[in-house]
Amino acid sequence: MRILTEIGDGQLKALDELSKREKTSRAALIRHAVDDLLTKHRQERQTDAFGLWGDQKVDGLVYQEKLRSEW
């Protein structure tokens, strides 16, 4: 899919220099940058929930067993 976006002259110049140095197209560099951004945000979402139970005073296993005993 094609998209249109505006970038500043400085960014375009830096992108062209990187493109020449890496021997790849501007489009490939932009796709790579988008992939990196999405990966970063995906990892942040995954770690948002990590350790949520840590502040609880009740042991997680004890809590789980108590809840299951009510079934």
C-alpha atoms as a PDB file:
ATOM      1  CA  MET A   1       0.000   0.000   0.000  1.00  0.00           C
ATOM      2  CA  ARG A   2       1.247   3.454  -0.775  1.00  0.00           C
ATOM      3  CA  ILE A   3       0.954   6.367   1.631  1.00  0.00           C
ATOM      4  CA  LEU A   4       1.793  10.036   1.394  1.00  0.00           C
ATOM      5  CA  THR A   5       3.603  11.785   4.196  1.00  0.00           C
ATOM      6  CA  GLU A   6       5.601  14.942   4.660  1.00  0.00           C
ATOM      7  CA  ILE A   7       9.046  14.934   6.207  1.00  0.00           C
ATOM      8  CA  GLY A   8      11.385  17.835   6.726  1.00  0.00           C
ATOM      9  CA  ASP A   9      14.287  18.673   4.427  1.00  0.00           C
ATOM     10  CA  GLY A  10      16.794  17.679   7.096  1.00  0.00           C
ATOM     11  CA  GLN A  11      15.134  14.314   7.600  1.00  0.00           C
ATOM     12  CA  LEU A  12      15.007  13.705   3.861  1.00  0.00           C
ATOM     13  CA  LYS A  13      18.686  14.560   3.463  1.00  0.00           C
ATOM     14  CA  ALA A  14      19.641  12.269   6.358  1.00  0.00           C
ATOM     15  CA  LEU A  15      17.447   9.519   4.940  1.00  0.00           C
ATOM     16  CA  ASP A  16      19.095   9.845   1.519  1.00  0.00           C
ATOM     17  CA  GLU A  17      22.569   9.675   3.090  1.00  0.00           C
ATOM     18  CA  LEU A  18      21.614   6.583   5.076  1.00  0.00           C
ATOM     19  CA  SER A  19      20.068   5.049   1.982  1.00  0.00           C
ATOM     20  CA  LYS A  20      23.312   5.448   0.047  1.00  0.00           C
ATOM     21  CA  ARG A  21      25.423   4.165   2.931  1.00  0.00           C
ATOM     22  CA  GLU A  22      23.191   1.117   3.497  1.00  0.00           C
ATOM     23  CA  LYS A  23      22.718   0.562  -0.258  1.00  0.00           C
ATOM     24  CA  THR A  24      18.949   0.317   0.142  1.00  0.00           C
ATOM     25  CA  SER A  25      15.950   2.356  -0.874  1.00  0.00           C
ATOM     26  CA  ARG A  26      14.310   5.112   1.121  1.00  0.00           C
ATOM     27  CA  ALA A  27      11.120   3.056   1.144  1.00  0.00           C
ATOM     28  CA  ALA A  28      12.922   0.076   2.679  1.00  0.00           C
ATOM     29  CA  LEU A  29      14.397   2.285   5.399  1.00  0.00           C
ATOM     30  CA  ILE A  30      10.984   3.762   6.174  1.00  0.00           C
ATOM     31  CA  ARG A  31       9.392   0.288   6.329  1.00  0.00           C
ATOM     32  CA  HIS A  32      12.166  -0.805   8.701  1.00  0.00           C
ATOM     33  CA  ALA A  33      11.590   2.259  10.889  1.00  0.00           C
ATOM     34  CA  VAL A  34       7.848   1.544  11.042  1.00  0.00           C
ATOM     35  CA  ASP A  35       8.544  -2.087  11.960  1.00  0.00           C
ATOM     36  CA  ASP A  36      10.886  -0.953  14.763  1.00  0.00           C
ATOM     37  CA  LEU A  37       8.291   1.475  16.103  1.00  0.00           C
ATOM     38  CA  LEU A  38       5.529  -1.124  16.089  1.00  0.00           C
ATOM     39  CA  THR A  39       7.777  -3.713  17.756  1.00  0.00           C
ATOM     40  CA  LYS A  40       8.709  -1.231  20.475  1.00  0.00           C
ATOM     41  CA  HIS A  41       5.090  -0.396  21.235  1.00  0.00           C
ATOM     42  CA  ARG A  42       4.074  -4.063  21.159  1.00  0.00           C
ATOM     43  CA  GLN A  43       6.774  -4.843  23.741  1.00  0.00           C
ATOM     44  CA  GLU A  44       5.638  -1.949  25.928  1.00  0.00           C
ATOM     45  CA  ARG A  45       2.062  -3.254  25.921  1.00  0.00           C
ATOM     46  CA  GLN A  46       3.237  -6.740  26.839  1.00  0.00           C
ATOM     47  CA  THR A  47       5.281  -5.495  29.791  1.00  0.00           C
ATOM     48  CA  ASP A  48       2.497  -3.196  31.055  1.00  0.00           C
ATOM     49  CA  ALA A  49       0.806  -6.146  32.744  1.00  0.00           C
ATOM     50  CA  PHE A  50       3.969  -7.822  34.009  1.00  0.00           C
ATOM     51  CA  GLY A  51       4.147  -7.748  37.787  1.00  0.00           C
ATOM     52  CA  LEU A  52       0.630  -6.448  38.406  1.00  0.00           C
ATOM     53  CA  TRP A  53       0.150  -8.966  41.216  1.00  0.00           C
ATOM     54  CA  GLY A  54       3.398  -7.933  42.911  1.00  0.00           C
ATOM     55  CA  ASP A  55       1.785  -5.281  45.103  1.00  0.00           C
ATOM     56  CA  GLN A  56      -0.808  -7.698  46.489  1.00  0.00           C
ATOM     57  CA  LYS A  57      -0.439  -8.926  50.068  1.00  0.00           C
ATOM     58  CA  VAL A  58      -2.135 -12.262  49.290  1.00  0.00           C
ATOM     59  CA  ASP A  59      -0.185 -15.126  47.762  1.00  0.00           C
ATOM     60  CA  GLY A  60      -1.392 -15.645  44.195  1.00  0.00           C
ATOM     61  CA  LEU A  61      -1.716 -19.410  44.492  1.00  0.00           C
ATOM     62  CA  VAL A  62      -3.685 -19.149  47.729  1.00  0.00           C
ATOM     63  CA  TYR A  63      -5.991 -16.598  46.113  1.00  0.00           C
ATOM     64  CA  GLN A  64      -6.471 -18.828  43.054  1.00  0.00           C
ATOM     65  CA  GLU A  65      -7.274 -21.880  45.182  1.00  0.00           C
ATOM     66  CA  LYS A  66      -9.767 -19.852  47.256  1.00  0.00           C
ATOM     67  CA  LEU A  67     -11.579 -18.700  44.145  1.00  0.00           C
ATOM     68  CA  ARG A  68     -11.650 -22.177  42.633  1.00  0.00           C
ATOM     69  CA  SER A  69     -12.988 -23.655  45.855  1.00  0.00           C
ATOM     70  CA  GLU A  70     -16.066 -21.487  45.428  1.00  0.00           C
ATOM     71  CA  TRP A  71     -16.981 -23.325  42.215  1.00  0.00           C
END
